[in-house]
């Protein structure tokens, strides 16, 4: 159920991911906010999420080898 307790099949919520995915380019799994598609991160991270205080696109990009630049598409 929603508390993680196994119950009847009709109440199942999973299976869930066992761990956060990591970026295969730089092995990091943390995410930081980047306000535009061109924005880079200011800290080392595996992914950049365009959140922009809820007004972003919701897109997620992997970062490049330097761990801060959006990986080129």
Protein backbone atom coordinates (compact mmCIF):
# COMPACT_ATOMS: atom_id res chain seq x y z
CA UNK A 1 0.00 0.00 0.00
CA UNK A 2 1.03 3.66 0.16
CA UNK A 3 2.98 2.89 3.37
CA UNK A 4 5.07 0.25 1.58
CA UNK A 5 3.25 -2.69 3.14
CA UNK A 6 2.46 -5.60 0.80
CA UNK A 7 -1.27 -6.12 0.39
CA UNK A 8 -3.80 -7.42 -2.12
CA UNK A 9 -2.80 -7.18 -5.79
CA UNK A 10 -5.48 -4.55 -6.36
CA UNK A 11 -3.75 -2.29 -3.81
CA UNK A 12 -0.25 -2.63 -5.29
CA UNK A 13 1.71 0.57 -5.91
CA UNK A 14 5.06 -0.87 -7.06
CA UNK A 15 7.49 -2.08 -8.02
CA UNK A 16 9.60 1.02 -7.55
CA UNK A 17 13.15 1.80 -8.56
CA UNK A 18 15.58 0.34 -6.04
CA UNK A 19 17.94 3.31 -6.33
CA UNK A 20 18.31 6.59 -8.19
CA UNK A 21 19.69 6.23 -11.73
CA UNK A 22 23.20 7.51 -12.31
CA UNK A 23 24.44 9.38 -15.35
CA UNK A 24 26.58 6.93 -17.38
CA UNK A 25 28.78 9.80 -18.60
CA UNK A 26 29.99 10.95 -15.16
CA UNK A 27 28.51 8.44 -12.64
CA UNK A 28 26.62 11.09 -10.64
CA UNK A 29 22.95 10.72 -9.69
CA UNK A 30 22.16 14.07 -8.06
CA UNK A 31 19.91 16.63 -9.77
CA UNK A 32 20.12 20.43 -9.79
CA UNK A 33 17.80 23.14 -11.12
CA UNK A 34 18.67 24.73 -14.45
CA UNK A 35 16.24 27.39 -15.59
CA UNK A 36 16.69 26.99 -19.36
CA UNK A 37 17.81 24.37 -21.84
CA UNK A 38 21.09 26.24 -22.28
CA UNK A 39 21.74 26.66 -18.56
CA UNK A 40 24.51 24.77 -16.95
CA UNK A 41 24.77 23.78 -13.32
CA UNK A 42 26.77 25.70 -10.74
CA UNK A 43 27.61 22.51 -8.83
CA UNK A 44 28.71 19.07 -9.96
CA UNK A 45 25.64 17.00 -10.76
CA UNK A 46 24.46 14.12 -12.89
CA UNK A 47 21.31 15.78 -14.18
CA UNK A 48 19.85 19.25 -14.74
CA UNK A 49 16.11 19.70 -14.21
CA UNK A 50 14.32 22.73 -15.69
CA UNK A 51 12.13 23.52 -12.69
CA UNK A 52 12.40 27.33 -12.50
CA UNK A 53 10.15 27.62 -9.41
CA UNK A 54 7.42 25.60 -11.11
CA UNK A 55 7.44 27.67 -14.31
CA UNK A 56 10.04 25.57 -16.17
CA UNK A 57 9.50 23.01 -18.88
CA UNK A 58 10.01 19.98 -16.64
CA UNK A 59 12.75 18.66 -18.93
CA UNK A 60 15.70 16.75 -17.53
CA UNK A 61 19.13 16.68 -19.17
CA UNK A 62 22.19 14.62 -18.34
CA UNK A 63 25.42 16.48 -17.71
CA UNK A 64 28.65 16.06 -19.63
CA UNK A 65 32.00 14.76 -18.42
CA UNK A 66 32.74 18.07 -16.64
CA UNK A 67 29.63 17.40 -14.44
CA UNK A 68 28.14 20.88 -14.92
CA UNK A 69 27.41 21.39 -18.63
CA UNK A 70 24.21 20.07 -20.18
CA UNK A 71 25.15 17.10 -22.33
CA UNK A 72 24.86 18.12 -26.01
CA UNK A 73 21.85 16.59 -27.75
